[in-house]
N, C-alpha and C. Protein backbone atom coordinates (compact mmCIF):
# COMPACT_ATOMS: atom_id res chain seq x y z
N MET A 1 173.16 -108.34 40.35
CA MET A 1 174.46 -109.08 40.76
C MET A 1 174.09 -109.94 41.96
N ARG A 2 174.87 -111.18 41.83
CA ARG A 2 174.72 -112.04 42.99
C ARG A 2 175.69 -111.65 44.16
N VAL A 3 175.21 -111.85 45.37
CA VAL A 3 175.71 -111.63 46.53
C VAL A 3 177.15 -112.15 46.59
N LYS A 4 177.35 -113.37 46.18
CA LYS A 4 178.66 -114.11 45.92
C LYS A 4 179.52 -113.28 45.27
N ASP A 5 179.24 -112.66 44.06
CA ASP A 5 179.94 -111.80 43.03
C ASP A 5 180.48 -110.58 43.61
N GLU A 6 179.42 -110.02 44.44
CA GLU A 6 179.46 -108.59 45.18
C GLU A 6 180.67 -108.83 46.04
N ILE A 7 180.65 -109.77 46.89
CA ILE A 7 181.78 -110.14 47.88
C ILE A 7 183.12 -110.23 47.37
N TYR A 8 183.13 -111.01 46.28
CA TYR A 8 184.34 -111.34 45.55
C TYR A 8 184.84 -109.99 45.11
N GLU A 9 184.03 -109.29 44.34
CA GLU A 9 184.50 -108.01 43.86
C GLU A 9 184.99 -107.04 44.71
N ARG A 10 184.35 -106.85 45.83
CA ARG A 10 184.77 -105.72 46.91
C ARG A 10 186.03 -106.22 47.58
N LEU A 11 186.31 -107.41 47.80
CA LEU A 11 187.33 -107.97 48.48
C LEU A 11 188.58 -107.91 47.70
N SER A 12 188.37 -108.21 46.23
CA SER A 12 189.36 -108.01 45.29
C SER A 12 189.82 -106.83 45.02
N ALA A 13 189.13 -105.72 45.05
CA ALA A 13 189.29 -104.38 44.98
C ALA A 13 190.12 -103.73 46.10
N ALA A 14 189.59 -104.26 47.35
CA ALA A 14 190.31 -103.73 48.50
C ALA A 14 191.46 -104.22 48.88
N PHE A 15 191.92 -105.43 48.71
CA PHE A 15 193.23 -105.99 49.03
C PHE A 15 194.01 -106.77 48.11
N THR A 16 193.61 -106.64 46.72
CA THR A 16 194.53 -107.44 45.75
C THR A 16 194.93 -108.80 46.19
N PRO A 17 193.99 -109.66 46.71
CA PRO A 17 194.52 -111.01 47.39
C PRO A 17 195.19 -111.86 46.31
N ARG A 18 196.12 -112.67 46.83
CA ARG A 18 196.73 -113.59 45.94
C ARG A 18 195.81 -114.95 45.91
N GLU A 19 194.91 -114.98 47.04
CA GLU A 19 193.96 -116.21 47.04
C GLU A 19 192.74 -115.67 47.65
N LEU A 20 191.64 -116.07 46.84
CA LEU A 20 190.17 -115.59 47.36
C LEU A 20 189.31 -116.60 46.94
N ASP A 21 188.47 -117.10 47.84
CA ASP A 21 187.46 -118.17 47.54
C ASP A 21 186.23 -117.82 48.27
N VAL A 22 185.27 -117.68 47.37
CA VAL A 22 183.88 -117.06 48.00
C VAL A 22 182.91 -118.49 47.90
N VAL A 23 182.36 -119.09 48.89
CA VAL A 23 181.49 -120.04 48.68
C VAL A 23 180.18 -119.76 49.26
N ASP A 24 179.19 -119.98 48.75
CA ASP A 24 177.67 -119.83 49.12
C ASP A 24 177.12 -121.00 49.73
N ASP A 25 177.32 -121.12 50.93
CA ASP A 25 177.14 -122.24 51.61
C ASP A 25 175.54 -122.21 52.44
N SER A 26 174.78 -121.61 51.80
CA SER A 26 173.36 -121.43 52.15
C SER A 26 172.60 -122.58 52.17
N GLU A 27 172.64 -123.41 51.24
CA GLU A 27 171.84 -124.78 51.02
C GLU A 27 171.96 -125.68 52.32
N SER A 28 173.14 -125.67 52.86
CA SER A 28 173.55 -126.69 53.94
C SER A 28 172.79 -126.06 55.33
N HIS A 29 172.23 -124.86 55.26
CA HIS A 29 171.40 -124.26 56.23
C HIS A 29 170.03 -124.28 56.32
N ARG A 30 169.56 -124.98 55.23
CA ARG A 30 168.15 -125.09 55.04
C ARG A 30 167.39 -125.38 56.21
N GLY A 31 166.36 -124.72 56.68
CA GLY A 31 165.47 -125.08 57.83
C GLY A 31 166.05 -124.34 59.22
N HIS A 32 167.26 -123.72 59.17
CA HIS A 32 167.82 -122.91 60.17
C HIS A 32 167.45 -121.67 59.92
N ALA A 33 167.71 -120.61 61.07
CA ALA A 33 167.52 -119.43 61.12
C ALA A 33 168.37 -118.69 59.98
N GLY A 34 167.76 -117.76 59.33
CA GLY A 34 168.28 -116.85 58.38
C GLY A 34 168.30 -117.28 56.87
N PHE A 35 167.94 -118.77 56.75
CA PHE A 35 167.94 -119.33 55.49
C PHE A 35 166.99 -118.72 54.55
N GLN A 36 167.43 -118.51 53.25
CA GLN A 36 166.51 -117.62 52.30
C GLN A 36 166.27 -118.84 51.32
N GLU A 37 165.03 -118.69 50.67
CA GLU A 37 164.98 -119.68 49.55
C GLU A 37 165.91 -119.06 48.35
N GLY A 38 166.55 -119.87 47.79
CA GLY A 38 167.36 -119.27 46.58
C GLY A 38 168.86 -118.95 47.08
N GLY A 39 169.01 -119.12 48.22
CA GLY A 39 170.33 -119.13 48.95
C GLY A 39 170.88 -117.75 49.19
N GLU A 40 172.12 -117.22 48.93
CA GLU A 40 172.84 -115.91 49.19
C GLU A 40 172.45 -115.47 50.65
N SER A 41 172.61 -116.36 51.49
CA SER A 41 172.40 -116.13 52.86
C SER A 41 173.64 -116.41 53.88
N HIS A 42 174.23 -117.39 53.70
CA HIS A 42 175.33 -117.90 54.41
C HIS A 42 176.77 -118.17 53.41
N PHE A 43 177.74 -117.54 53.71
CA PHE A 43 179.02 -117.68 52.93
C PHE A 43 180.34 -117.80 53.63
N ASN A 44 180.91 -118.66 53.17
CA ASN A 44 182.49 -118.95 53.63
C ASN A 44 183.49 -118.35 52.68
N VAL A 45 184.26 -117.41 53.22
CA VAL A 45 185.37 -116.77 52.59
C VAL A 45 186.57 -117.06 53.02
N ARG A 46 187.64 -117.39 52.22
CA ARG A 46 188.92 -117.86 52.44
C ARG A 46 189.64 -116.61 51.55
N ILE A 47 190.34 -115.92 52.48
CA ILE A 47 191.21 -114.74 51.61
C ILE A 47 192.59 -114.76 52.20
N ARG A 48 193.56 -114.60 51.29
CA ARG A 48 195.05 -114.56 51.65
C ARG A 48 195.64 -113.03 50.76
N ALA A 49 196.00 -112.50 51.60
CA ALA A 49 196.58 -111.13 51.06
C ALA A 49 197.68 -110.42 51.83
N GLN A 50 198.64 -109.90 51.28
CA GLN A 50 199.98 -109.25 52.02
C GLN A 50 199.38 -108.17 52.91
N ASP A 51 198.22 -107.54 52.43
CA ASP A 51 197.41 -106.43 53.26
C ASP A 51 197.37 -106.85 54.73
N PHE A 52 197.29 -107.98 55.22
CA PHE A 52 196.85 -108.39 56.49
C PHE A 52 198.10 -108.76 57.44
N ASP A 53 199.27 -108.65 56.77
CA ASP A 53 200.69 -108.69 57.38
C ASP A 53 200.44 -107.76 58.82
N ASN A 54 200.80 -108.26 59.68
CA ASN A 54 200.84 -107.42 61.01
C ASN A 54 199.61 -106.81 61.58
N MET A 55 198.56 -107.70 61.21
CA MET A 55 197.09 -107.28 61.51
C MET A 55 196.82 -108.31 62.69
N SER A 56 196.13 -108.17 63.84
CA SER A 56 195.67 -109.05 64.72
C SER A 56 194.23 -109.70 63.97
N ARG A 57 193.72 -110.81 64.34
CA ARG A 57 192.81 -111.47 63.86
C ARG A 57 191.54 -110.55 63.78
N ILE A 58 191.41 -109.77 64.92
CA ILE A 58 190.01 -109.01 65.02
C ILE A 58 190.41 -107.85 63.96
N ALA A 59 191.60 -107.37 63.80
CA ALA A 59 191.93 -106.23 62.73
C ALA A 59 191.66 -106.73 61.41
N ARG A 60 191.84 -107.87 61.20
CA ARG A 60 191.70 -108.63 59.81
C ARG A 60 190.05 -108.58 59.54
N HIS A 61 189.44 -109.12 60.52
CA HIS A 61 187.76 -109.17 60.52
C HIS A 61 187.27 -107.67 60.21
N ARG A 62 187.85 -106.81 60.82
CA ARG A 62 187.17 -105.57 60.84
C ARG A 62 187.47 -104.98 59.39
N ALA A 63 188.84 -105.03 58.79
CA ALA A 63 189.00 -104.76 57.50
C ALA A 63 188.11 -105.34 56.62
N VAL A 64 187.96 -106.67 56.59
CA VAL A 64 187.20 -107.43 55.49
C VAL A 64 185.71 -106.97 55.83
N HIS A 65 185.04 -106.65 56.84
CA HIS A 65 183.69 -106.12 57.05
C HIS A 65 183.74 -104.43 56.49
N THR A 66 184.65 -103.80 56.66
CA THR A 66 184.66 -102.34 56.13
C THR A 66 184.82 -102.46 54.53
N ALA A 67 185.56 -103.33 53.92
CA ALA A 67 185.76 -103.43 52.59
C ALA A 67 184.30 -104.00 52.02
N LEU A 68 183.65 -104.79 52.77
CA LEU A 68 182.33 -105.36 52.23
C LEU A 68 181.35 -104.29 52.31
N GLY A 69 181.37 -103.53 53.08
CA GLY A 69 180.36 -102.31 53.43
C GLY A 69 179.18 -102.72 54.36
N LYS A 70 178.54 -101.88 54.99
CA LYS A 70 177.45 -102.03 55.61
C LYS A 70 176.26 -102.60 54.94
N ASP A 71 176.01 -101.99 53.57
CA ASP A 71 174.90 -102.32 52.90
C ASP A 71 174.97 -103.93 52.43
N LEU A 72 176.16 -104.42 52.14
CA LEU A 72 176.34 -105.85 51.75
C LEU A 72 176.26 -106.60 52.98
N VAL A 73 176.97 -106.27 54.16
CA VAL A 73 176.96 -107.06 55.42
C VAL A 73 175.56 -107.22 55.67
N GLY A 74 174.75 -106.10 55.73
CA GLY A 74 173.36 -106.40 56.03
C GLY A 74 172.47 -107.21 55.58
N ARG A 75 172.84 -107.79 54.22
CA ARG A 75 172.13 -108.70 53.35
C ARG A 75 172.53 -110.09 53.79
N ILE A 76 173.69 -110.18 54.46
CA ILE A 76 174.19 -111.55 54.70
C ILE A 76 173.83 -112.01 56.18
N HIS A 77 173.32 -113.28 56.29
CA HIS A 77 172.81 -113.69 57.75
C HIS A 77 174.26 -114.41 58.39
N ALA A 78 175.14 -114.76 57.51
CA ALA A 78 176.14 -115.62 58.31
C ALA A 78 177.49 -115.53 57.45
N LEU A 79 178.74 -114.93 57.77
CA LEU A 79 179.77 -114.96 57.06
C LEU A 79 180.95 -115.47 57.80
N ALA A 80 181.42 -116.76 57.32
CA ALA A 80 182.55 -117.29 58.11
C ALA A 80 183.94 -117.01 57.29
N LEU A 81 184.83 -116.35 57.99
CA LEU A 81 186.02 -115.91 57.47
C LEU A 81 187.30 -116.64 57.81
N ASP A 82 188.10 -116.94 56.98
CA ASP A 82 189.31 -117.58 57.01
C ASP A 82 190.39 -116.59 56.39
N ILE A 83 190.99 -115.88 57.13
CA ILE A 83 191.81 -114.73 56.78
C ILE A 83 193.29 -114.96 57.20
N ASP A 84 194.15 -114.70 56.21
CA ASP A 84 195.63 -114.90 56.56
C ASP A 84 196.53 -113.88 55.56
N SER A 85 197.74 -113.61 55.94
CA SER A 85 198.40 -112.80 54.93
C SER A 85 199.32 -113.83 54.11
């Protein structure tokens, strides 16, 4: 399974978002640190879910990282998060 799909599935299961967009942005980082041939190293995630109500920005980021799990986060070089309720 592609990393992009794993991210989508894990976040969907954890938060039941009303909006979730996962973009593999790896190609735009070609030649930079962490780039892997074939992509799947740099991702942009936009997620909107009621679960994030009353959470600080830091708490939201921690919740997303926990939902993704250390195994998946360890395979990603860069993860840009746009999180809101």
